[in-house]
Amino acid sequence: MFRFSAKRIALLGILTALATITFMIEGLFPPLFLPGAKMGISNIFTLLAVILLSPLDGLILVAVRTTLGSLFTGGLSSWLYSFSAGVASVIVSGLLVFLFFDKISVVAISVAAAVVHNAVQNTVFCLVTGTPEMFVYLPYLALMGIVAGLIVGVASVLLLKTLPFEKFLINQKSRF
């Protein structure tokens, strides 16, 4: 049975707050080459939630982060893109952590999630706007996803190795 203990809620709250703050700060910077393109630094905390807690916790974090971030920044129209892509990337991350965590690295999980995130965001944009021509950006977005995934993955590994997360693990043994 899935339990929301005080420890779990506290860690999820901290990770969600950090993700929301970095999401909003990152939105203050100009886009990277394409409108709306950013590195997705807030995904560090989403990946940590998936690894330290569970994919369900990662989904909760994404739902809260995208909703609050969109409300606070006034970008309600972008909520659909951020939310759908965030959910897809958490599902991919969760599956990879659950099935292959001992066989692949956190960085590889991050890269896969980032590429999926960008592909889903582009697909939702094409569907909403009725512009399938925008699929031409998929190779560029995949490349940006690889770069962003590497940055998020390396940052996540550094945090997992340097911060005392072992005290907060709820479902898993220490695996980093």
N, C-alpha and C. Protein backbone atom coordinates (compact mmCIF):
# COMPACT_ATOMS: atom_id res chain seq x y z
N MET A 1 0.83 -1.19 0.00
CA MET A 1 0.00 0.00 0.00
C MET A 1 0.88 1.25 0.00
N PHE A 2 0.44 2.25 -0.69
CA PHE A 2 1.18 3.50 -0.81
C PHE A 2 0.81 4.41 0.34
N ARG A 3 1.79 4.78 1.16
CA ARG A 3 1.55 5.63 2.32
C ARG A 3 2.20 6.98 2.16
N PHE A 4 1.46 8.01 2.55
CA PHE A 4 2.03 9.35 2.59
C PHE A 4 2.37 9.68 4.03
N SER A 5 3.56 9.29 4.44
CA SER A 5 4.02 9.59 5.79
C SER A 5 4.44 11.06 5.86
N ALA A 6 4.63 11.54 7.07
CA ALA A 6 5.08 12.92 7.25
C ALA A 6 6.43 13.14 6.57
N LYS A 7 7.30 12.14 6.66
CA LYS A 7 8.63 12.22 6.04
C LYS A 7 8.50 12.37 4.52
N ARG A 8 7.66 11.54 3.93
CA ARG A 8 7.45 11.57 2.48
C ARG A 8 6.86 12.92 2.05
N ILE A 9 5.84 13.38 2.75
CA ILE A 9 5.20 14.65 2.40
C ILE A 9 6.18 15.80 2.55
N ALA A 10 7.00 15.78 3.60
CA ALA A 10 7.98 16.85 3.80
C ALA A 10 9.00 16.88 2.66
N LEU A 11 9.56 15.72 2.30
CA LEU A 11 10.55 15.68 1.22
C LEU A 11 9.91 16.08 -0.11
N LEU A 12 8.71 15.58 -0.37
CA LEU A 12 8.01 15.94 -1.60
C LEU A 12 7.72 17.44 -1.63
N GLY A 13 7.34 18.01 -0.51
CA GLY A 13 7.08 19.45 -0.43
C GLY A 13 8.33 20.28 -0.70
N ILE A 14 9.45 19.86 -0.14
CA ILE A 14 10.71 20.57 -0.38
C ILE A 14 11.12 20.48 -1.84
N LEU A 15 11.06 19.27 -2.41
CA LEU A 15 11.42 19.11 -3.83
C LEU A 15 10.47 19.89 -4.73
N THR A 16 9.19 19.91 -4.40
CA THR A 16 8.21 20.65 -5.20
C THR A 16 8.46 22.14 -5.12
N ALA A 17 8.75 22.64 -3.94
CA ALA A 17 9.05 24.07 -3.78
C ALA A 17 10.30 24.46 -4.58
N LEU A 18 11.34 23.65 -4.48
CA LEU A 18 12.57 23.94 -5.23
C LEU A 18 12.32 23.88 -6.74
N ALA A 19 11.53 22.90 -7.18
CA ALA A 19 11.22 22.79 -8.60
C ALA A 19 10.41 23.98 -9.08
N THR A 20 9.44 24.41 -8.30
CA THR A 20 8.60 25.55 -8.69
C THR A 20 9.42 26.83 -8.75
N ILE A 21 10.28 27.04 -7.78
CA ILE A 21 11.11 28.25 -7.76
C ILE A 21 12.06 28.27 -8.96
N THR A 22 12.73 27.15 -9.23
CA THR A 22 13.66 27.13 -10.38
C THR A 22 12.90 27.24 -11.69
N PHE A 23 11.70 26.68 -11.78
CA PHE A 23 10.85 26.81 -12.97
C PHE A 23 10.55 28.28 -13.24
N MET A 24 10.19 29.02 -12.19
CA MET A 24 9.86 30.43 -12.35
C MET A 24 11.09 31.28 -12.65
N ILE A 25 12.21 31.00 -11.99
CA ILE A 25 13.45 31.74 -12.25
C ILE A 25 13.92 31.51 -13.68
N GLU A 26 13.88 30.27 -14.12
CA GLU A 26 14.32 29.95 -15.47
C GLU A 26 13.47 30.65 -16.52
N GLY A 27 12.20 30.86 -16.21
CA GLY A 27 11.31 31.56 -17.12
C GLY A 27 11.65 33.03 -17.30
N LEU A 28 12.48 33.59 -16.41
CA LEU A 28 12.88 34.99 -16.52
C LEU A 28 13.97 35.19 -17.57
N PHE A 29 14.66 34.12 -17.94
CA PHE A 29 15.74 34.21 -18.91
C PHE A 29 15.21 34.07 -20.33
N PRO A 30 15.91 34.65 -21.29
CA PRO A 30 15.45 34.52 -22.68
C PRO A 30 15.52 33.06 -23.14
N PRO A 31 14.66 32.68 -24.10
CA PRO A 31 14.66 31.30 -24.58
C PRO A 31 15.96 30.95 -25.30
N LEU A 32 16.24 29.66 -25.35
CA LEU A 32 17.43 29.15 -26.02
C LEU A 32 17.11 28.85 -27.48
N PHE A 33 17.38 29.75 -28.35
CA PHE A 33 17.29 29.57 -29.80
C PHE A 33 15.88 29.49 -30.37
N LEU A 34 14.94 28.91 -29.66
CA LEU A 34 13.55 28.81 -30.12
C LEU A 34 12.63 29.38 -29.04
N PRO A 35 11.51 29.96 -29.43
CA PRO A 35 10.56 30.46 -28.42
C PRO A 35 10.16 29.35 -27.45
N GLY A 36 10.26 29.65 -26.17
CA GLY A 36 9.86 28.69 -25.15
C GLY A 36 10.92 27.67 -24.77
N ALA A 37 12.03 27.60 -25.50
CA ALA A 37 13.07 26.60 -25.21
C ALA A 37 13.87 27.01 -23.97
N LYS A 38 14.01 26.08 -23.04
CA LYS A 38 14.84 26.31 -21.85
C LYS A 38 15.45 25.00 -21.42
N MET A 39 16.39 25.06 -20.50
CA MET A 39 17.14 23.87 -20.09
C MET A 39 16.35 22.94 -19.18
N GLY A 40 15.34 23.43 -18.52
CA GLY A 40 14.53 22.55 -17.67
C GLY A 40 15.22 22.17 -16.37
N ILE A 41 15.87 23.13 -15.76
CA ILE A 41 16.62 22.87 -14.53
C ILE A 41 15.70 22.35 -13.42
N SER A 42 14.44 22.75 -13.44
CA SER A 42 13.51 22.27 -12.40
C SER A 42 13.30 20.76 -12.48
N ASN A 43 13.65 20.17 -13.61
CA ASN A 43 13.50 18.71 -13.75
C ASN A 43 14.50 17.94 -12.88
N ILE A 44 15.51 18.61 -12.37
CA ILE A 44 16.42 17.98 -11.41
C ILE A 44 15.60 17.46 -10.23
N PHE A 45 14.71 18.29 -9.74
CA PHE A 45 13.94 17.93 -8.54
C PHE A 45 12.87 16.89 -8.85
N THR A 46 12.37 16.91 -10.09
CA THR A 46 11.42 15.87 -10.50
C THR A 46 12.12 14.52 -10.55
N LEU A 47 13.32 14.50 -11.14
CA LEU A 47 14.08 13.25 -11.22
C LEU A 47 14.43 12.74 -9.83
N LEU A 48 14.80 13.65 -8.94
CA LEU A 48 15.10 13.24 -7.56
C LEU A 48 13.86 12.65 -6.89
N ALA A 49 12.68 13.24 -7.14
CA ALA A 49 11.45 12.70 -6.55
C ALA A 49 11.18 11.29 -7.06
N VAL A 50 11.39 11.06 -8.35
CA VAL A 50 11.16 9.73 -8.92
C VAL A 50 12.13 8.72 -8.32
N ILE A 51 13.39 9.10 -8.18
CA ILE A 51 14.42 8.18 -7.68
C ILE A 51 14.29 7.96 -6.17
N LEU A 52 14.13 9.05 -5.41
CA LEU A 52 14.12 8.94 -3.95
C LEU A 52 12.77 8.48 -3.40
N LEU A 53 11.69 8.83 -4.07
CA LEU A 53 10.37 8.51 -3.56
C LEU A 53 9.67 7.50 -4.47
N SER A 54 9.03 7.98 -5.52
CA SER A 54 8.35 7.07 -6.45
C SER A 54 7.90 7.86 -7.67
N PRO A 55 7.56 7.17 -8.75
CA PRO A 55 7.01 7.88 -9.92
C PRO A 55 5.71 8.64 -9.59
N LEU A 56 4.89 8.10 -8.69
CA LEU A 56 3.67 8.82 -8.29
C LEU A 56 4.03 10.16 -7.66
N ASP A 57 5.05 10.18 -6.83
CA ASP A 57 5.49 11.44 -6.23
C ASP A 57 6.01 12.39 -7.31
N GLY A 58 6.70 11.84 -8.30
CA GLY A 58 7.16 12.67 -9.42
C GLY A 58 5.99 13.27 -10.18
N LEU A 59 4.92 12.50 -10.37
CA LEU A 59 3.73 13.02 -11.05
C LEU A 59 3.06 14.12 -10.22
N ILE A 60 2.99 13.92 -8.92
CA ILE A 60 2.42 14.96 -8.05
C ILE A 60 3.26 16.23 -8.15
N LEU A 61 4.58 16.08 -8.10
CA LEU A 61 5.46 17.23 -8.20
C LEU A 61 5.24 17.97 -9.53
N VAL A 62 5.16 17.24 -10.63
CA VAL A 62 4.95 17.87 -11.94
C VAL A 62 3.62 18.61 -11.98
N ALA A 63 2.58 17.99 -11.45
CA ALA A 63 1.26 18.63 -11.45
C ALA A 63 1.27 19.93 -10.66
N VAL A 64 1.86 19.91 -9.49
CA VAL A 64 1.91 21.10 -8.65
C VAL A 64 2.84 22.15 -9.27
N ARG A 65 4.03 21.73 -9.71
CA ARG A 65 4.99 22.68 -10.29
C ARG A 65 4.44 23.37 -11.53
N THR A 66 3.86 22.61 -12.44
CA THR A 66 3.38 23.24 -13.67
C THR A 66 2.17 24.14 -13.40
N THR A 67 1.31 23.72 -12.48
CA THR A 67 0.14 24.53 -12.18
C THR A 67 0.53 25.81 -11.45
N LEU A 68 1.31 25.69 -10.38
CA LEU A 68 1.73 26.89 -9.65
C LEU A 68 2.63 27.78 -10.50
N GLY A 69 3.55 27.17 -11.23
CA GLY A 69 4.43 27.96 -12.08
C GLY A 69 3.66 28.74 -13.12
N SER A 70 2.66 28.13 -13.72
CA SER A 70 1.84 28.82 -14.72
C SER A 70 0.99 29.91 -14.08
N LEU A 71 0.45 29.65 -12.90
CA LEU A 71 -0.34 30.67 -12.20
C LEU A 71 0.52 31.86 -11.79
N PHE A 72 1.70 31.58 -11.23
CA PHE A 72 2.56 32.66 -10.74
C PHE A 72 3.18 33.48 -11.87
N THR A 73 3.48 32.84 -12.98
CA THR A 73 4.13 33.57 -14.07
C THR A 73 3.14 34.10 -15.10
N GLY A 74 1.87 33.75 -14.97
CA GLY A 74 0.87 34.21 -15.91
C GLY A 74 0.90 33.47 -17.23
N GLY A 75 1.61 32.35 -17.27
CA GLY A 75 1.70 31.58 -18.51
C GLY A 75 0.72 30.43 -18.56
N LEU A 76 -0.56 30.71 -18.33
CA LEU A 76 -1.55 29.64 -18.28
C LEU A 76 -1.68 28.90 -19.59
N SER A 77 -1.42 29.58 -20.70
CA SER A 77 -1.53 28.90 -22.00
C SER A 77 -0.44 27.85 -22.16
N SER A 78 0.68 28.01 -21.50
CA SER A 78 1.76 27.04 -21.62
C SER A 78 1.59 25.85 -20.67
N TRP A 79 0.60 25.91 -19.78
CA TRP A 79 0.40 24.83 -18.81
C TRP A 79 0.19 23.49 -19.50
N LEU A 80 -0.62 23.47 -20.55
CA LEU A 80 -0.92 22.22 -21.25
C LEU A 80 0.36 21.57 -21.78
N TYR A 81 1.25 22.38 -22.35
CA TYR A 81 2.50 21.86 -22.90
C TYR A 81 3.40 21.33 -21.79
N SER A 82 3.56 22.13 -20.74
CA SER A 82 4.44 21.74 -19.63
C SER A 82 3.90 20.53 -18.90
N PHE A 83 2.60 20.51 -18.63
CA PHE A 83 2.01 19.42 -17.87
C PHE A 83 2.07 18.10 -18.64
N SER A 84 1.64 18.10 -19.89
CA SER A 84 1.62 16.85 -20.66
C SER A 84 3.03 16.31 -20.87
N ALA A 85 3.96 17.19 -21.18
CA ALA A 85 5.34 16.75 -21.39
C ALA A 85 5.97 16.29 -20.07
N GLY A 86 5.66 16.97 -18.98
CA GLY A 86 6.17 16.57 -17.68
C GLY A 86 5.67 15.21 -17.25
N VAL A 87 4.39 14.95 -17.47
CA VAL A 87 3.81 13.65 -17.14
C VAL A 87 4.47 12.55 -17.96
N ALA A 88 4.63 12.79 -19.26
CA ALA A 88 5.26 11.78 -20.13
C ALA A 88 6.70 11.50 -19.69
N SER A 89 7.45 12.55 -19.34
CA SER A 89 8.84 12.33 -18.95
C SER A 89 8.94 11.63 -17.60
N VAL A 90 8.01 11.88 -16.69
CA VAL A 90 8.01 11.17 -15.41
C VAL A 90 7.68 9.69 -15.62
N ILE A 91 6.75 9.42 -16.52
CA ILE A 91 6.41 8.02 -16.81
C ILE A 91 7.63 7.29 -17.37
N VAL A 92 8.34 7.93 -18.29
CA VAL A 92 9.56 7.32 -18.85
C VAL A 92 10.61 7.14 -17.77
N SER A 93 10.83 8.18 -16.97
CA SER A 93 11.81 8.09 -15.87
C SER A 93 11.44 6.98 -14.90
N GLY A 94 10.17 6.94 -14.53
CA GLY A 94 9.72 5.93 -13.59
C GLY A 94 9.91 4.52 -14.10
N LEU A 95 9.57 4.31 -15.37
CA LEU A 95 9.77 2.98 -15.96
C LEU A 95 11.24 2.60 -16.00
N LEU A 96 12.08 3.55 -16.39
CA LEU A 96 13.52 3.25 -16.46
C LEU A 96 14.11 2.99 -15.07
N VAL A 97 13.68 3.77 -14.09
CA VAL A 97 14.16 3.55 -12.72
C VAL A 97 13.68 2.19 -12.21
N PHE A 98 12.42 1.89 -12.44
CA PHE A 98 11.84 0.64 -11.95
C PHE A 98 12.45 -0.59 -12.63
N LEU A 99 12.63 -0.50 -13.95
CA LEU A 99 13.06 -1.67 -14.71
C LEU A 99 14.58 -1.82 -14.84
N PHE A 100 15.29 -0.70 -14.93
CA PHE A 100 16.70 -0.78 -15.31
C PHE A 100 17.65 0.02 -14.43
N PHE A 101 17.23 0.42 -13.23
CA PHE A 101 18.07 1.33 -12.44
C PHE A 101 19.48 0.80 -12.21
N ASP A 102 19.63 -0.49 -12.00
CA ASP A 102 20.95 -1.06 -11.75
C ASP A 102 21.77 -1.22 -13.03
N LYS A 103 21.12 -1.06 -14.18
CA LYS A 103 21.80 -1.29 -15.46
C LYS A 103 22.15 -0.02 -16.23
N ILE A 104 21.44 1.07 -15.95
CA ILE A 104 21.73 2.33 -16.65
C ILE A 104 21.93 3.44 -15.63
N SER A 105 22.54 4.51 -16.07
CA SER A 105 22.88 5.60 -15.17
C SER A 105 21.72 6.58 -15.00
N VAL A 106 21.81 7.37 -13.96
CA VAL A 106 20.86 8.45 -13.73
C VAL A 106 20.92 9.43 -14.90
N VAL A 107 22.10 9.66 -15.43
CA VAL A 107 22.24 10.58 -16.58
C VAL A 107 21.51 10.04 -17.80
N ALA A 108 21.60 8.74 -18.05
CA ALA A 108 20.89 8.13 -19.19
C ALA A 108 19.38 8.25 -18.99
N ILE A 109 18.90 8.05 -17.78
CA ILE A 109 17.48 8.21 -17.48
C ILE A 109 17.05 9.65 -17.75
N SER A 110 17.87 10.59 -17.32
CA SER A 110 17.57 12.00 -17.51
C SER A 110 17.53 12.37 -18.99
N VAL A 111 18.47 11.87 -19.77
CA VAL A 111 18.51 12.17 -21.21
C VAL A 111 17.26 11.61 -21.89
N ALA A 112 16.89 10.38 -21.58
CA ALA A 112 15.70 9.78 -22.19
C ALA A 112 14.45 10.59 -21.83
N ALA A 113 14.34 10.98 -20.58
CA ALA A 113 13.18 11.76 -20.14
C ALA A 113 13.14 13.13 -20.82
N ALA A 114 14.29 13.76 -20.99
CA ALA A 114 14.33 15.08 -21.62
C ALA A 114 13.96 15.02 -23.10
N VAL A 115 14.43 14.00 -23.79
CA VAL A 115 14.08 13.85 -25.21
C VAL A 115 12.58 13.60 -25.35
N VAL A 116 12.02 12.74 -24.50
CA VAL A 116 10.58 12.48 -24.53
C VAL A 116 9.81 13.76 -24.20
N HIS A 117 10.28 14.50 -23.20
CA HIS A 117 9.64 15.75 -22.81
C HIS A 117 9.52 16.69 -24.02
N ASN A 118 10.63 16.89 -24.71
CA ASN A 118 10.62 17.80 -25.87
C ASN A 118 9.74 17.28 -27.00
N ALA A 119 9.78 15.99 -27.24
CA ALA A 119 8.96 15.42 -28.32
C ALA A 119 7.47 15.55 -28.01
N VAL A 120 7.08 15.29 -26.77
CA VAL A 120 5.67 15.41 -26.38
C VAL A 120 5.23 16.87 -26.44
N GLN A 121 6.08 17.77 -25.96
CA GLN A 121 5.72 19.18 -25.99
C GLN A 121 5.51 19.65 -27.43
N ASN A 122 6.37 19.24 -28.32
CA ASN A 122 6.24 19.60 -29.73
C ASN A 122 4.99 18.98 -30.34
N THR A 123 4.71 17.74 -30.00
CA THR A 123 3.52 17.07 -30.52
C THR A 123 2.24 17.76 -30.05
N VAL A 124 2.18 18.10 -28.77
CA VAL A 124 1.01 18.79 -28.24
C VAL A 124 0.85 20.14 -28.93
N PHE A 125 1.96 20.84 -29.13
CA PHE A 125 1.89 22.13 -29.82
C PHE A 125 1.32 21.96 -31.23
N CYS A 126 1.82 20.96 -31.96
CA CYS A 126 1.34 20.71 -33.32
C CYS A 126 -0.15 20.37 -33.33
N LEU A 127 -0.60 19.58 -32.37
CA LEU A 127 -2.00 19.20 -32.30
C LEU A 127 -2.89 20.38 -31.94
N VAL A 128 -2.46 21.18 -30.96
CA VAL A 128 -3.27 22.32 -30.50
C VAL A 128 -3.36 23.40 -31.58
N THR A 129 -2.24 23.67 -32.23
CA THR A 129 -2.22 24.76 -33.22
C THR A 129 -2.58 24.30 -34.63
N GLY A 130 -2.62 23.00 -34.84
CA GLY A 130 -2.91 22.50 -36.18
C GLY A 130 -1.81 22.79 -37.19
N THR A 131 -0.57 22.77 -36.70
CA THR A 131 0.58 23.05 -37.56
C THR A 131 1.56 21.88 -37.56
N PRO A 132 1.26 20.85 -38.34
CA PRO A 132 2.16 19.69 -38.37
C PRO A 132 3.54 20.04 -38.95
N GLU A 133 3.65 21.17 -39.58
CA GLU A 133 4.95 21.60 -40.12
C GLU A 133 5.98 21.77 -39.00
N MET A 134 5.49 22.01 -37.80
CA MET A 134 6.41 22.22 -36.67
C MET A 134 7.15 20.95 -36.26
N PHE A 135 6.71 19.80 -36.79
CA PHE A 135 7.44 18.56 -36.51
C PHE A 135 8.85 18.60 -37.08
N VAL A 136 9.12 19.55 -37.97
CA VAL A 136 10.45 19.69 -38.54
C VAL A 136 11.48 20.03 -37.44
N TYR A 137 11.00 20.56 -36.31
CA TYR A 137 11.89 20.91 -35.20
C TYR A 137 12.27 19.73 -34.32
N LEU A 138 11.66 18.57 -34.55
CA LEU A 138 11.93 17.41 -33.68
C LEU A 138 13.41 17.04 -33.57
N PRO A 139 14.17 16.99 -34.68
CA PRO A 139 15.60 16.66 -34.52
C PRO A 139 16.35 17.69 -33.66
N TYR A 140 16.05 18.95 -33.87
CA TYR A 140 16.68 20.00 -33.06
C TYR A 140 16.27 19.84 -31.60
N LEU A 141 14.98 19.59 -31.36
CA LEU A 141 14.50 19.43 -29.99
C LEU A 141 15.08 18.18 -29.33
N ALA A 142 15.30 17.13 -30.11
CA ALA A 142 15.95 15.93 -29.56
C ALA A 142 17.38 16.26 -29.13
N LEU A 143 18.08 17.02 -29.96
CA LEU A 143 19.45 17.43 -29.61
C LEU A 143 19.45 18.30 -28.35
N MET A 144 18.51 19.25 -28.29
CA MET A 144 18.40 20.08 -27.09
C MET A 144 18.04 19.23 -25.86
N GLY A 145 17.21 18.21 -26.08
CA GLY A 145 16.85 17.31 -24.99
C GLY A 145 18.05 16.53 -24.47
N ILE A 146 18.91 16.13 -25.38
CA ILE A 146 20.13 15.41 -24.96
C ILE A 146 21.00 16.32 -24.11
N VAL A 147 21.21 17.55 -24.56
CA VAL A 147 22.03 18.50 -23.81
C VAL A 147 21.40 18.80 -22.45
N ALA A 148 20.10 19.11 -22.45
CA ALA A 148 19.40 19.40 -21.19
C ALA A 148 19.41 18.18 -20.27
N GLY A 149 19.19 17.00 -20.84
CA GLY A 149 19.20 15.78 -20.04
C GLY A 149 20.55 15.51 -19.41
N LEU A 150 21.61 15.79 -20.15
CA LEU A 150 22.96 15.64 -19.59
C LEU A 150 23.18 16.58 -18.41
N ILE A 151 22.77 17.82 -18.57
CA ILE A 151 22.94 18.82 -17.50
C ILE A 151 22.12 18.42 -16.27
N VAL A 152 20.86 18.10 -16.48
CA VAL A 152 19.98 17.71 -15.37
C VAL A 152 20.49 16.41 -14.72
N GLY A 153 20.90 15.46 -15.54
CA GLY A 153 21.40 14.19 -15.02
C GLY A 153 22.66 14.33 -14.18
N VAL A 154 23.61 15.10 -14.69
CA VAL A 154 24.86 15.31 -13.93
C VAL A 154 24.57 16.05 -12.63
N ALA A 155 23.73 17.08 -12.69
CA ALA A 155 23.37 17.82 -11.47
C ALA A 155 22.68 16.89 -10.47
N SER A 156 21.82 16.03 -10.95
CA SER A 156 21.12 15.08 -10.07
C SER A 156 22.08 14.11 -9.41
N VAL A 157 23.02 13.59 -10.19
CA VAL A 157 24.02 12.66 -9.64
C VAL A 157 24.85 13.37 -8.57
N LEU A 158 25.26 14.60 -8.85
CA LEU A 158 26.06 15.35 -7.87
C LEU A 158 25.26 15.56 -6.58
N LEU A 159 23.99 15.90 -6.71
CA LEU A 159 23.16 16.07 -5.51
C LEU A 159 22.97 14.76 -4.76
N LEU A 160 22.73 13.68 -5.49
CA LEU A 160 22.55 12.38 -4.85
C LEU A 160 23.80 11.93 -4.11
N LYS A 161 24.97 12.30 -4.64
CA LYS A 161 26.23 11.88 -4.00
C LYS A 161 26.66 12.79 -2.86
N THR A 162 26.23 14.05 -2.87
CA THR A 162 26.74 14.98 -1.86
C THR A 162 25.77 15.30 -0.74
N LEU A 163 24.48 15.22 -1.00
CA LEU A 163 23.50 15.54 0.05
C LEU A 163 23.08 14.26 0.77
N PRO A 164 22.72 14.36 2.03
CA PRO A 164 22.39 13.16 2.81
C PRO A 164 20.98 12.62 2.56
N PHE A 165 20.70 12.28 1.30
CA PHE A 165 19.38 11.78 0.96
C PHE A 165 19.09 10.41 1.54
N GLU A 166 20.11 9.67 1.94
CA GLU A 166 19.89 8.33 2.49
C GLU A 166 18.92 8.39 3.67
N LYS A 167 18.95 9.49 4.41
CA LYS A 167 18.07 9.65 5.56
C LYS A 167 16.61 9.78 5.14
N PHE A 168 16.39 10.16 3.87
CA PHE A 168 15.03 10.43 3.42
C PHE A 168 14.44 9.31 2.58
N LEU A 169 15.24 8.33 2.21
CA LEU A 169 14.72 7.27 1.35
C LEU A 169 13.56 6.58 2.03
N ILE A 170 12.53 6.36 1.25
CA ILE A 170 11.32 5.77 1.81
C ILE A 170 11.09 4.38 1.26
N ASN A 171 11.16 4.20 -0.04
CA ASN A 171 10.86 2.90 -0.65
C ASN A 171 12.10 2.14 -1.07
N GLN A 172 13.20 2.79 -1.22
CA GLN A 172 14.37 2.13 -1.79
C GLN A 172 15.52 2.11 -0.79
N LYS A 173 16.41 1.17 -1.04
CA LYS A 173 17.68 1.18 -0.33
C LYS A 173 18.56 2.19 -1.02
N SER A 174 19.62 2.59 -0.37
CA SER A 174 20.54 3.53 -1.00
C SER A 174 21.17 2.87 -2.23
N ARG A 175 21.05 3.52 -3.38
CA ARG A 175 21.58 2.94 -4.61
C ARG A 175 22.44 3.92 -5.38
N PHE A 176 23.02 4.87 -4.70
CA PHE A 176 23.90 5.82 -5.38
C PHE A 176 25.14 6.03 -4.56
